[in-house]
């Protein structure tokens, strides 16, 4: 019983750790790209339904909850069936509280250090009404842009934000489904909306100790017959899922994170809404991102940018630098080639998102209060900063390619090592086969010698007139030992000649020799041997002749 327990305990521990690991770091959903932008006229439409179900349902708005029918109240093409299919409300946090961390940037480029943090209760109507009224109050006129980082977003908070800021439902649908997206909507004379949703990767510290299974030892045979050092293999199931977390050495975990931003750009106060996955997923929290944005204000470089330009898009661009976490972990990505290929796609999405932000100018910068020189300087500065971020993305892409090359080299080295071990085993097997073939040849040679003698001995024992013309009763022996030896020698030579003549490949004659040459092989083989014996003597005689002639000339 104890032996069985010892055998099953590693597998049991491995399965238990695997289940616990998947519980701590659940995999993210596979993105559905065809629902990533509002350009599709039928968002999240099921084409297998009847025409009556496609019609928008009548709205029944309540005086107490103006936001209760979002998104149908603002976007008529979103029916209840489409909202359910997108899971934009059902995938919201199941918790009771939503925490909204605020931060503001003043017109002089400084950051608001006293930013208020709001806690909204999902089932408290008074609290929801209070937050609705709070968002309805315009920020002070000296606030250029405000950012709302929402932690554990519940469905009422989602509807309040969507209704108050007229947010396209695709932003929330793509965020909850982790679908990369970027688009610009509602472009007006001095106002527009931009959305960027970017999955990215980062490393986390795994709080649980990783228990790895023991390697399987596969012995290999060398030419000397000894057991060579085996190759280490593991009995872990190699299932590649790029949407799941990847366990790394040193108790680190590679997880996929999400950066989801929606910005409303105006001439007065612009607003950035940052969606964050549930805190249970152990991703970048709203509070962490708020603190990182606050530290942007402490940077002398970025402070000068905020003072120099009135464009609030620079705060949006600064948040995109969160994706630069990639540079902290690229040296570990070479451990799995499949993940590297998937992260190449994420890098391309990142690059296109930055190019998208660079290519959509802020219409609020066309306000009469902004001079042409300020407008050109701000646009030039935005291009410069976007190009800097693009250069960092290209550097990460080159580093990823370098790691792919290193991984390919390691794979080739592994295969070469396996081939070397296999060749050693094959060499040992060939040596065993060679010894066996030598023994078989020796047996065949003995058979050539003894089989004719045995055959003739049986023949001479026959009482046949042609063999024994005189009967033994006459007292005369017609055959003696000399006759038997002569017959055996002749039959043995004939058998050897016949076997060699019938072989097309033999060291007694050349390969693919004619039948006539194979039949006269003793003559050709003997002449070749005689030439080989006489050639050294001829060379010595010619050398001695040259020496004698040289000595005569000198004398």
Protein backbone atom coordinates (compact mmCIF):
# COMPACT_ATOMS: atom_id res chain seq x y z
CA UNK A 1 0.00 0.00 0.00
CA UNK A 2 2.84 2.38 0.80
CA UNK A 3 4.49 1.63 -2.55
CA UNK A 4 1.31 2.47 -4.38
CA UNK A 5 1.01 5.68 -2.42
CA UNK A 6 4.55 6.63 -3.33
CA UNK A 7 3.85 6.03 -7.01
CA UNK A 8 0.62 8.03 -7.15
CA UNK A 9 1.56 10.93 -4.90
CA UNK A 10 3.54 12.95 -7.54
CA UNK A 11 0.67 12.70 -10.02
CA UNK A 12 -1.88 13.58 -7.34
CA UNK A 13 0.15 16.55 -6.17
CA UNK A 14 0.63 17.67 -9.77
CA UNK A 15 -3.08 17.53 -10.55
CA UNK A 16 -3.94 19.36 -7.34
CA UNK A 17 -1.40 22.07 -8.06
CA UNK A 18 -2.68 22.38 -11.63
CA UNK A 19 -6.26 22.88 -10.44
CA UNK A 20 -5.17 25.41 -7.83
CA UNK A 21 -3.02 27.25 -10.40
CA UNK A 22 -5.94 27.48 -12.83
CA UNK A 23 -8.10 28.77 -10.00
CA UNK A 24 -5.58 31.45 -9.05
CA UNK A 25 -4.88 32.49 -12.64
CA UNK A 26 -7.92 31.67 -14.81
CA UNK A 27 -7.47 31.90 -18.55
CA UNK A 28 -8.86 34.87 -20.42
CA UNK A 29 -11.54 34.44 -23.11
CA UNK A 30 -10.60 34.05 -26.74
CA UNK A 31 -11.25 37.43 -28.44
CA UNK A 32 -14.03 37.71 -31.02
CA UNK A 33 -12.61 40.24 -33.47
CA UNK A 34 -15.69 40.66 -35.64
CA UNK A 35 -17.46 42.42 -32.74
CA UNK A 36 -14.58 44.74 -31.89
CA UNK A 37 -15.75 48.00 -33.51
CA UNK A 38 -19.07 49.83 -34.08
CA UNK A 39 -18.63 49.73 -37.86
CA UNK A 40 -20.60 46.46 -37.96
CA UNK A 41 -24.29 47.40 -38.43
CA UNK A 42 -25.47 44.26 -36.59
CA UNK A 43 -23.52 44.06 -33.31
CA UNK A 44 -23.58 40.65 -31.66
CA UNK A 45 -26.43 39.59 -33.90
CA UNK A 46 -27.69 36.00 -33.98
CA UNK A 47 -28.82 35.40 -37.57
CA UNK A 48 -30.71 32.23 -36.63
CA UNK A 49 -33.62 34.10 -35.05
CA UNK A 50 -36.91 35.30 -36.48
CA UNK A 51 -37.48 38.80 -37.85
CA UNK A 52 -39.75 39.76 -34.97
CA UNK A 53 -36.97 39.22 -32.45
CA UNK A 54 -34.68 41.59 -34.33
CA UNK A 55 -36.97 44.57 -33.74
CA UNK A 56 -35.85 46.86 -30.89
CA UNK A 57 -37.97 46.44 -27.80
CA UNK A 58 -40.00 49.43 -26.56
CA UNK A 59 -38.29 51.42 -23.84
CA UNK A 60 -39.84 51.74 -20.42
CA UNK A 61 -37.75 54.35 -18.69
CA UNK A 62 -38.08 55.02 -14.98
CA UNK A 63 -37.82 58.45 -13.39
CA UNK A 64 -35.57 56.99 -10.70
CA UNK A 65 -33.12 55.22 -13.03
CA UNK A 66 -32.43 57.16 -16.18
CA UNK A 67 -29.54 54.86 -16.88
CA UNK A 68 -31.50 51.63 -16.37
CA UNK A 69 -32.16 50.99 -20.09
CA UNK A 70 -28.60 51.54 -21.28
CA UNK A 71 -27.54 50.75 -23.99
CA UNK A 72 -30.97 50.51 -25.70
CA UNK A 73 -31.89 54.01 -24.54
CA UNK A 74 -29.04 55.61 -26.53
CA UNK A 75 -28.27 53.00 -29.18
CA UNK A 76 -31.45 51.70 -30.79
CA UNK A 77 -29.71 48.87 -32.67
CA UNK A 78 -28.76 47.13 -29.42
CA UNK A 79 -31.60 44.81 -28.45
CA UNK A 80 -31.80 42.89 -25.21
CA UNK A 81 -30.82 39.70 -27.04
CA UNK A 82 -27.65 41.35 -28.38
CA UNK A 83 -26.79 42.73 -24.95
CA UNK A 84 -27.12 39.25 -23.49
CA UNK A 85 -24.97 37.73 -26.25
CA UNK A 86 -22.22 40.29 -25.68
CA UNK A 87 -22.33 39.60 -21.90
CA UNK A 88 -21.44 43.23 -21.26
CA UNK A 89 -23.74 43.27 -18.20
CA UNK A 90 -23.58 39.64 -17.10
CA UNK A 91 -19.76 39.60 -17.00
CA UNK A 92 -19.61 42.59 -14.70
CA UNK A 93 -18.38 42.17 -11.16
CA UNK A 94 -20.65 40.21 -8.82
CA UNK A 95 -19.45 42.20 -5.85
CA UNK A 96 -21.46 44.75 -3.97
CA UNK A 97 -18.98 47.62 -4.29
CA UNK A 98 -17.41 49.46 -7.18
CA UNK A 99 -14.48 51.74 -6.48
CA UNK A 100 -13.76 54.64 -8.82
CA UNK A 101 -10.34 56.30 -8.46
CA UNK A 102 -10.21 59.80 -9.92
CA UNK A 103 -7.33 61.93 -11.07
CA UNK A 104 -7.28 65.29 -12.81
CA UNK A 105 -4.83 67.40 -14.78
CA UNK A 106 -5.14 71.19 -14.57
CA UNK A 107 -4.68 73.62 -17.41
CA UNK A 108 -1.19 74.51 -16.16
CA UNK A 109 -0.09 70.85 -16.52
CA UNK A 110 -0.08 70.04 -12.80
CA UNK A 111 -1.89 67.03 -11.34
CA UNK A 112 -4.67 67.10 -8.77
CA UNK A 113 -3.16 65.59 -5.61
CA UNK A 114 -6.49 65.59 -3.76
CA UNK A 115 -8.37 63.43 -6.25
CA UNK A 116 -11.53 61.96 -4.77
CA UNK A 117 -12.18 58.22 -4.58
CA UNK A 118 -15.82 57.16 -4.88
CA UNK A 119 -17.28 53.88 -3.59
CA UNK A 120 -20.59 52.99 -5.22
CA UNK A 121 -22.86 50.27 -3.80
CA UNK A 122 -24.68 48.20 -6.38
CA UNK A 123 -27.92 47.67 -4.43
CA UNK A 124 -28.09 51.10 -2.80
CA UNK A 125 -30.41 53.31 -4.84
CA UNK A 126 -29.39 56.42 -2.92
CA UNK A 127 -25.72 55.74 -3.54
CA UNK A 128 -26.32 55.13 -7.25
CA UNK A 129 -28.38 58.32 -7.53
CA UNK A 130 -25.65 60.24 -5.71
CA UNK A 131 -23.00 59.04 -8.14
CA UNK A 132 -25.23 59.85 -11.11
CA UNK A 133 -25.67 63.40 -9.83
CA UNK A 134 -21.94 63.64 -9.05
CA UNK A 135 -21.04 62.87 -12.67
CA UNK A 136 -23.65 65.36 -13.84
CA UNK A 137 -21.80 68.24 -12.20
CA UNK A 138 -19.27 69.77 -14.57
CA UNK A 139 -15.67 69.74 -13.28
CA UNK A 140 -14.01 73.08 -12.51
CA UNK A 141 -13.06 75.09 -15.55
CA UNK A 142 -9.34 74.82 -14.74
CA UNK A 143 -9.40 71.00 -15.12
CA UNK A 144 -8.18 70.02 -18.58
CA UNK A 145 -8.79 66.26 -18.33
CA UNK A 146 -10.04 63.85 -15.69
CA UNK A 147 -9.48 60.08 -15.56
CA UNK A 148 -11.81 57.56 -13.92
CA UNK A 149 -10.22 54.21 -13.02
CA UNK A 150 -13.04 51.79 -12.19
CA UNK A 151 -12.30 48.78 -10.00
CA UNK A 152 -14.84 45.90 -9.90
CA UNK A 153 -17.25 47.60 -12.28
CA UNK A 154 -20.83 46.49 -11.57
CA UNK A 155 -23.64 46.65 -14.11
CA UNK A 156 -25.28 49.79 -12.58
CA UNK A 157 -21.96 51.67 -12.63
CA UNK A 158 -21.42 50.55 -16.24
CA UNK A 159 -24.84 51.86 -17.22
CA UNK A 160 -24.30 55.13 -15.36
CA UNK A 161 -20.98 55.79 -17.08
CA UNK A 162 -22.31 54.73 -20.47
CA UNK A 163 -25.37 56.95 -20.21
CA UNK A 164 -23.64 59.98 -18.70
CA UNK A 165 -20.79 60.07 -21.23
CA UNK A 166 -22.68 58.55 -24.20
CA UNK A 167 -20.21 55.66 -24.47
CA UNK A 168 -20.56 53.30 -27.41
CA UNK A 169 -21.53 49.82 -26.02
CA UNK A 170 -18.73 48.26 -28.06
CA UNK A 171 -16.27 49.63 -25.50
CA UNK A 172 -17.80 47.65 -22.64
CA UNK A 173 -18.54 44.57 -24.79
CA UNK A 174 -14.95 44.42 -26.08
CA UNK A 175 -13.55 45.04 -22.59
CA UNK A 176 -15.41 42.21 -20.86
CA UNK A 177 -14.50 39.85 -23.72
CA UNK A 178 -10.83 40.94 -23.89
CA UNK A 179 -11.14 41.83 -27.57
CA UNK A 180 -8.41 44.15 -28.96
CA UNK A 181 -10.09 47.19 -30.44
CA UNK A 182 -9.40 50.75 -31.53
CA UNK A 183 -11.78 53.17 -33.17
CA UNK A 184 -12.94 56.75 -33.24
CA UNK A 185 -16.61 57.67 -32.98
CA UNK A 186 -18.92 60.66 -32.91
CA UNK A 187 -16.44 63.11 -34.52
CA UNK A 188 -17.90 66.58 -34.22
CA UNK A 189 -16.52 70.02 -34.81
CA UNK A 190 -14.84 70.30 -31.40
CA UNK A 191 -15.53 66.89 -29.79
CA UNK A 192 -14.99 63.18 -30.41
CA UNK A 193 -14.65 59.77 -28.70
CA UNK A 194 -11.67 57.41 -29.03
CA UNK A 195 -11.37 53.86 -27.72
CA UNK A 196 -8.29 51.64 -27.31
CA UNK A 197 -8.49 48.14 -25.83
CA UNK A 198 -5.19 46.29 -25.60
CA UNK A 199 -4.38 42.92 -24.04
CA UNK A 200 -0.76 42.82 -22.88
CA UNK A 201 1.46 40.55 -20.81
CA UNK A 202 3.24 40.92 -17.50
CA UNK A 203 4.85 38.75 -14.84
CA UNK A 204 3.47 38.15 -11.37
CA UNK A 205 4.94 36.49 -8.32
CA UNK A 206 3.37 33.09 -7.72
CA UNK A 207 2.60 32.75 -4.05
CA UNK A 208 2.37 28.98 -4.30
CA UNK A 209 5.47 26.83 -4.46
CA UNK A 210 5.76 25.02 -7.80
CA UNK A 211 6.14 21.25 -7.39
CA UNK A 212 7.66 19.83 -10.55
CA UNK A 213 7.56 16.14 -11.38
CA UNK A 214 10.70 14.05 -11.60
CA UNK A 215 12.32 13.63 -15.00
CA UNK A 216 12.05 10.36 -16.88
CA UNK A 217 15.46 8.77 -17.52
CA UNK A 218 15.78 7.16 -20.95
CA UNK A 219 19.05 5.10 -21.16
CA UNK A 220 21.02 4.86 -24.39
CA UNK A 221 23.55 2.23 -25.50
CA UNK A 222 27.04 3.21 -26.67
CA UNK A 223 29.48 1.31 -28.86
CA UNK A 224 31.33 0.05 -25.81
CA UNK A 225 28.16 -1.55 -24.47
CA UNK A 226 27.97 0.83 -21.53
CA UNK A 227 24.86 2.79 -20.61
CA UNK A 228 25.37 6.43 -21.49
CA UNK A 229 23.95 9.40 -19.58
CA UNK A 230 20.22 9.62 -20.33
CA UNK A 231 18.33 12.66 -21.53
CA UNK A 232 16.04 14.41 -19.08
CA UNK A 233 12.38 14.30 -20.01
CA UNK A 234 9.40 15.23 -17.89
CA UNK A 235 6.12 13.46 -17.56
CA UNK A 236 4.16 16.72 -17.49
CA UNK A 237 1.45 17.11 -20.09
CA UNK A 238 2.59 19.70 -22.61
CA UNK A 239 -0.69 21.47 -23.37
CA UNK A 240 -0.13 24.88 -25.00
CA UNK A 241 -2.86 27.43 -24.34
CA UNK A 242 -1.79 30.99 -25.00
CA UNK A 243 -4.90 32.35 -23.25
CA UNK A 244 -3.92 30.70 -19.96
CA UNK A 245 -1.24 31.78 -17.52
CA UNK A 246 2.26 30.38 -18.06
CA UNK A 247 4.29 29.13 -15.13
CA UNK A 248 7.91 30.30 -15.19
CA UNK A 249 10.97 29.44 -13.10
CA UNK A 250 11.65 31.23 -9.82
CA UNK A 251 7.94 31.05 -8.92
CA UNK A 252 6.91 33.59 -11.53
CA UNK A 253 3.77 33.51 -13.62
CA UNK A 254 3.26 35.06 -17.03
CA UNK A 255 -0.31 36.39 -17.28
CA UNK A 256 -2.28 38.32 -19.84
CA UNK A 257 -3.49 41.73 -18.65
CA UNK A 258 -5.88 44.26 -20.14
CA UNK A 259 -5.64 47.98 -20.81
CA UNK A 260 -9.06 49.34 -21.74
CA UNK A 261 -9.46 53.11 -22.27
CA UNK A 262 -12.27 55.27 -23.60
CA UNK A 263 -11.71 59.02 -23.93
CA UNK A 264 -14.21 61.80 -24.53
CA UNK A 265 -12.28 64.80 -25.89
CA UNK A 266 -13.90 68.22 -25.49
CA UNK A 267 -12.91 71.86 -25.47
CA UNK A 268 -13.78 72.07 -21.76
CA UNK A 269 -12.90 69.03 -19.65
CA UNK A 270 -12.08 65.76 -21.36
CA UNK A 271 -12.74 62.43 -19.62
CA UNK A 272 -10.88 59.11 -19.70
CA UNK A 273 -12.68 55.95 -18.51
CA UNK A 274 -10.42 53.01 -17.64
CA UNK A 275 -12.06 49.61 -17.36
CA UNK A 276 -10.33 47.02 -15.16
CA UNK A 277 -11.09 43.30 -14.94
CA UNK A 278 -12.30 41.84 -11.68
CA UNK A 279 -9.78 42.11 -8.86
CA UNK A 280 -10.05 38.34 -8.40
CA UNK A 281 -8.14 37.85 -11.67
CA UNK A 282 -4.98 39.41 -10.17
CA UNK A 283 -4.50 41.89 -13.00
CA UNK A 284 -3.45 45.56 -12.95
CA UNK A 285 -5.72 47.23 -10.42
CA UNK A 286 -7.35 50.61 -10.85
CA UNK A 287 -5.50 51.96 -7.83
CA UNK A 288 -2.13 50.84 -9.24
CA UNK A 289 -2.82 52.49 -12.58
CA UNK A 290 -3.95 55.67 -10.83
CA UNK A 291 -0.70 55.77 -8.84
CA UNK A 292 1.33 55.23 -12.02
CA UNK A 293 -0.48 58.11 -13.73
CA UNK A 294 0.15 60.30 -10.68
CA UNK A 295 3.85 59.55 -10.96
CA UNK A 296 3.70 60.77 -14.53
CA UNK A 297 3.06 64.21 -13.08
CA UNK A 298 6.28 63.90 -11.05
CA UNK A 299 8.28 63.37 -14.23
CA UNK A 300 10.04 66.55 -15.35
CA UNK A 301 9.85 65.46 -18.97
CA UNK A 302 6.11 64.80 -19.00
CA UNK A 303 5.36 67.84 -16.83
CA UNK A 304 6.96 70.01 -19.48
CA UNK A 305 4.82 68.32 -22.13
CA UNK A 306 1.61 68.95 -20.17
CA UNK A 307 2.60 72.60 -19.68
CA UNK A 308 3.62 73.03 -23.28
CA UNK A 309 0.50 71.53 -24.90
CA UNK A 310 -3.18 71.90 -24.04
CA UNK A 311 -4.08 68.66 -25.79
CA UNK A 312 -5.49 66.14 -23.22
CA UNK A 313 -4.51 63.28 -25.54
CA UNK A 314 -1.03 63.31 -23.98
CA UNK A 315 -2.47 61.82 -20.77
CA UNK A 316 -4.02 59.06 -22.90
CA UNK A 317 -0.64 58.46 -24.53
CA UNK A 318 1.12 58.39 -21.16
CA UNK A 319 -1.21 55.63 -19.95
CA UNK A 320 -0.28 53.58 -23.03
CA UNK A 321 3.28 53.45 -21.66
CA UNK A 322 1.93 50.90 -19.19
CA UNK A 323 2.40 48.40 -21.99
CA UNK A 324 6.14 48.99 -21.59
CA UNK A 325 6.01 46.33 -18.83
CA UNK A 326 6.96 44.01 -21.68
CA UNK A 327 10.59 45.04 -21.43
CA UNK A 328 10.75 43.55 -17.90
CA UNK A 329 9.93 40.02 -19.00
CA UNK A 330 11.10 39.49 -22.55
CA UNK A 331 14.22 37.67 -21.36
CA UNK A 332 11.92 34.90 -20.03
CA UNK A 333 9.67 34.54 -23.08
CA UNK A 334 12.06 32.27 -24.95
CA UNK A 335 10.79 29.36 -22.85
CA UNK A 336 7.82 28.74 -25.07
CA UNK A 337 7.77 29.40 -28.78
CA UNK A 338 4.00 29.30 -29.06
CA UNK A 339 3.59 32.14 -26.57
CA UNK A 340 6.18 34.17 -28.45
CA UNK A 341 4.18 33.85 -31.64
CA UNK A 342 1.03 34.94 -29.85
CA UNK A 343 2.78 37.91 -28.24
CA UNK A 344 3.93 38.99 -31.68
CA UNK A 345 0.28 39.51 -32.53
CA UNK A 346 -0.21 41.54 -29.34
CA UNK A 347 2.77 43.71 -30.23
CA UNK A 348 1.25 44.38 -33.63
CA UNK A 349 -2.00 45.42 -31.95
CA UNK A 350 -0.03 47.72 -29.66
CA UNK A 351 1.75 49.31 -32.63
CA UNK A 352 -1.48 49.87 -34.52
CA UNK A 353 -3.09 51.40 -31.42
CA UNK A 354 -0.32 53.97 -31.01
CA UNK A 355 -0.47 54.78 -34.71
CA UNK A 356 -4.22 55.17 -34.32
CA UNK A 357 -3.82 57.69 -31.47
CA UNK A 358 -1.20 59.56 -33.47
CA UNK A 359 -3.46 59.72 -36.52
CA UNK A 360 -6.64 61.06 -34.85
CA UNK A 361 -6.14 64.75 -34.01
CA UNK A 362 -8.14 66.24 -31.18
CA UNK A 363 -10.94 68.39 -32.63
CA UNK A 364 -10.98 70.46 -29.45
CA UNK A 365 -7.63 71.90 -30.49
CA UNK A 366 -9.51 73.79 -33.25
CA UNK A 367 -11.15 76.02 -30.68
CA UNK A 368 -10.75 79.78 -31.31
CA UNK A 369 -8.98 80.18 -27.97
CA UNK A 370 -6.02 78.15 -29.28
CA UNK A 371 -3.70 79.89 -31.71
CA UNK A 372 -2.41 78.31 -34.90
CA UNK A 373 1.15 78.21 -33.53
CA UNK A 374 0.01 76.38 -30.38
CA UNK A 375 -2.01 73.97 -32.49
CA UNK A 376 0.93 73.13 -34.77
CA UNK A 377 3.33 72.83 -31.85
CA UNK A 378 0.95 70.47 -30.02
CA UNK A 379 0.46 68.29 -33.11
CA UNK A 380 4.21 68.14 -33.69
CA UNK A 381 4.81 67.21 -30.05
CA UNK A 382 2.17 64.46 -30.22
CA UNK A 383 3.83 62.97 -33.30
CA UNK A 384 7.24 63.06 -31.59
CA UNK A 385 6.00 61.31 -28.43
CA UNK A 386 4.03 58.74 -30.42
CA UNK A 387 7.11 58.03 -32.55
CA UNK A 388 9.16 57.50 -29.40
CA UNK A 389 6.65 54.95 -28.13
CA UNK A 390 6.59 53.29 -31.56
CA UNK A 391 10.38 53.02 -31.48
CA UNK A 392 10.14 51.24 -28.12
CA UNK A 393 7.58 48.85 -29.59
CA UNK A 394 9.91 48.14 -32.50
CA UNK A 395 12.74 47.51 -30.05
CA UNK A 396 10.58 45.01 -28.18
CA UNK A 397 9.70 43.38 -31.49
CA UNK A 398 13.37 43.05 -32.40
CA UNK A 399 14.11 41.62 -28.98
CA UNK A 400 11.27 39.13 -29.42
CA UNK A 401 12.76 38.09 -32.77
CA UNK A 402 16.14 37.67 -31.12
CA UNK A 403 14.61 35.44 -28.45
CA UNK A 404 12.84 33.45 -31.16
CA UNK A 405 16.19 32.90 -32.85
CA UNK A 406 17.73 31.84 -29.54
CA UNK A 407 14.84 29.46 -28.98
CA UNK A 408 15.21 28.02 -32.48
CA UNK A 409 18.91 27.53 -31.82
CA UNK A 410 18.13 25.77 -28.52
CA UNK A 411 15.59 23.55 -30.28
CA UNK A 412 18.13 22.63 -32.95
CA UNK A 413 20.71 21.92 -30.25
CA UNK A 414 18.23 19.69 -28.44
CA UNK A 415 17.44 17.76 -31.59
CA UNK A 416 21.15 17.47 -32.38
CA UNK A 417 21.80 16.12 -28.88
CA UNK A 418 19.04 13.58 -29.30
CA UNK A 419 20.43 12.57 -32.68
CA UNK A 420 23.91 12.14 -31.18
CA UNK A 421 22.53 9.89 -28.46
CA UNK A 422 20.52 7.97 -31.04
CA UNK A 423 23.56 7.59 -33.28
CA UNK A 424 25.54 6.23 -30.34
CA UNK A 425 22.81 3.72 -29.66
CA UNK A 426 22.69 2.85 -33.36
CA UNK A 427 26.46 2.46 -33.40
CA UNK A 428 26.27 0.05 -30.49
CA UNK A 429 23.52 -1.89 -32.22
CA UNK A 430 25.58 -1.99 -35.43
CA UNK A 431 28.54 -3.33 -33.48
CA UNK A 432 26.39 -6.12 -32.07
CA UNK A 433 25.02 -6.89 -35.54
CA UNK A 434 28.56 -6.94 -36.97
CA UNK A 435 29.68 -9.45 -34.37
CA UNK A 436 26.65 -11.59 -35.06
CA UNK A 437 27.29 -11.45 -38.81
CA UNK A 438 30.92 -12.44 -38.25
CA UNK A 439 29.79 -15.45 -36.27
CA UNK A 440 27.29 -16.33 -38.99
CA UNK A 441 30.04 -16.08 -41.62
CA UNK A 442 32.24 -18.39 -39.61
CA UNK A 443 29.41 -20.89 -39.39
CA UNK A 444 28.88 -20.59 -43.16
CA UNK A 445 32.59 -21.22 -43.82
CA UNK A 446 32.49 -24.31 -41.62
CA UNK A 447 29.40 -25.47 -43.47
CA UNK A 448 31.22 -25.13 -46.80
CA UNK A 449 33.98 -27.37 -45.47
CA UNK A 450 31.94 -30.00 -43.63
CA UNK A 451 28.79 -30.27 -45.71
CA UNK A 452 30.52 -31.75 -48.80
CA UNK A 453 32.43 -34.21 -46.62
CA UNK A 454 29.25 -35.24 -44.82
CA UNK A 455 27.40 -35.57 -48.09
CA UNK A 456 30.10 -37.77 -49.65
CA UNK A 457 30.36 -39.91 -46.52
CA UNK A 458 26.67 -40.70 -46.83
CA UNK A 459 27.06 -41.37 -50.55
CA UNK A 460 30.00 -43.77 -50.07
CA UNK A 461 28.01 -45.73 -47.52
CA UNK A 462 25.42 -46.57 -50.18
CA UNK A 463 25.62 -50.11 -51.55
CA UNK A 464 25.30 -49.11 -55.19
CA UNK A 465 26.96 -50.84 -58.12
CA UNK A 466 28.08 -47.58 -59.74
CA UNK A 467 29.83 -46.63 -56.52
CA UNK A 468 30.90 -50.10 -55.34
CA UNK A 469 31.20 -52.31 -58.46
CA UNK A 470 32.72 -55.15 -56.42
CA UNK A 471 30.80 -56.65 -53.54
CA UNK A 472 32.31 -56.77 -50.09
CA UNK A 473 31.81 -60.56 -50.07
CA UNK A 474 34.60 -60.93 -52.62
CA UNK A 475 37.04 -59.68 -50.01
CA UNK A 476 38.19 -56.71 -52.04
CA UNK A 477 37.77 -53.03 -51.08
CA UNK A 478 37.02 -50.90 -54.13
CA UNK A 479 37.26 -47.53 -52.26
CA UNK A 480 39.88 -46.34 -49.82
CA UNK A 481 40.60 -43.20 -47.76
CA UNK A 482 42.55 -41.51 -50.55
CA UNK A 483 39.60 -41.79 -52.88
CA UNK A 484 37.33 -40.23 -50.22
CA UNK A 485 39.77 -37.34 -49.63
CA UNK A 486 40.07 -36.64 -53.34
CA UNK A 487 36.30 -36.59 -53.75
CA UNK A 488 35.81 -34.32 -50.71
CA UNK A 489 38.50 -31.89 -51.85
CA UNK A 490 37.08 -31.70 -55.37
CA UNK A 491 33.48 -31.22 -54.20
CA UNK A 492 34.55 -28.57 -51.62
CA UNK A 493 36.47 -26.60 -54.23
CA UNK A 494 33.60 -26.87 -56.68
CA UNK A 495 31.11 -25.68 -54.03
CA UNK A 496 33.30 -22.73 -53.07
CA UNK A 497 33.79 -21.79 -56.74
CA UNK A 498 30.06 -22.02 -57.44
CA UNK A 499 29.04 -19.93 -54.38
CA UNK A 500 31.51 -17.14 -55.22
CA UNK A 501 30.62 -17.19 -58.93
CA UNK A 502 26.92 -16.80 -58.19
CA UNK A 503 27.47 -13.78 -55.91
CA UNK A 504 27.24 -10.41 -57.67
CA UNK A 505 28.98 -8.62 -54.82
CA UNK A 506 32.11 -10.26 -53.44
CA UNK A 507 35.64 -9.22 -52.59
CA UNK A 508 36.93 -11.94 -54.97
CA UNK A 509 35.69 -10.03 -58.02
CA UNK A 510 34.49 -6.53 -58.85
CA UNK A 511 30.93 -5.39 -58.35
CA UNK A 512 28.55 -6.02 -61.28
CA UNK A 513 31.10 -8.20 -63.07
CA UNK A 514 29.98 -10.21 -66.09
CA UNK A 515 29.01 -13.89 -65.79
CA UNK A 516 32.15 -14.94 -67.66
CA UNK A 517 34.41 -12.94 -65.36
CA UNK A 518 32.65 -14.33 -62.28
CA UNK A 519 33.03 -17.86 -63.70
CA UNK A 520 36.81 -17.36 -64.10
CA UNK A 521 37.20 -15.58 -60.81
CA UNK A 522 40.00 -17.87 -59.50
CA UNK A 523 42.17 -16.91 -62.48
CA UNK A 524 41.57 -13.15 -62.14
CA UNK A 525 41.83 -13.23 -58.36
CA UNK A 526 45.04 -15.22 -58.45
CA UNK A 527 46.64 -12.95 -61.09
CA UNK A 528 45.72 -9.89 -59.04
CA UNK A 529 47.33 -11.41 -55.94
CA UNK A 530 50.49 -12.34 -57.87
CA UNK A 531 50.75 -8.80 -59.23
CA UNK A 532 50.36 -7.48 -55.71
CA UNK A 533 53.19 -9.70 -54.50
CA UNK A 534 55.50 -8.86 -57.42
CA UNK A 535 54.91 -5.10 -57.37
CA UNK A 536 57.04 -4.39 -54.25
CA UNK A 537 59.90 -6.46 -55.72
CA UNK A 538 59.69 -4.58 -59.02
CA UNK A 539 59.74 -1.23 -57.21
CA UNK A 540 62.80 -2.28 -55.23
CA UNK A 541 64.61 -3.43 -58.36
CA UNK A 542 63.82 -0.20 -60.20
CA UNK A 543 64.98 1.84 -57.21
CA UNK A 544 68.22 -0.16 -57.00
CA UNK A 545 68.76 0.34 -60.73
CA UNK A 546 68.40 4.11 -60.40
CA UNK A 547 70.86 4.14 -57.52
CA UNK A 548 73.46 2.15 -59.52
CA UNK A 549 73.08 4.42 -62.55
CA UNK A 550 73.49 7.53 -60.38
CA UNK A 551 76.66 6.16 -58.75
CA UNK A 552 78.11 5.34 -62.18
CA UNK A 553 77.47 8.85 -63.44
CA UNK A 554 79.11 10.38 -60.40
CA UNK A 555 82.17 8.16 -60.79
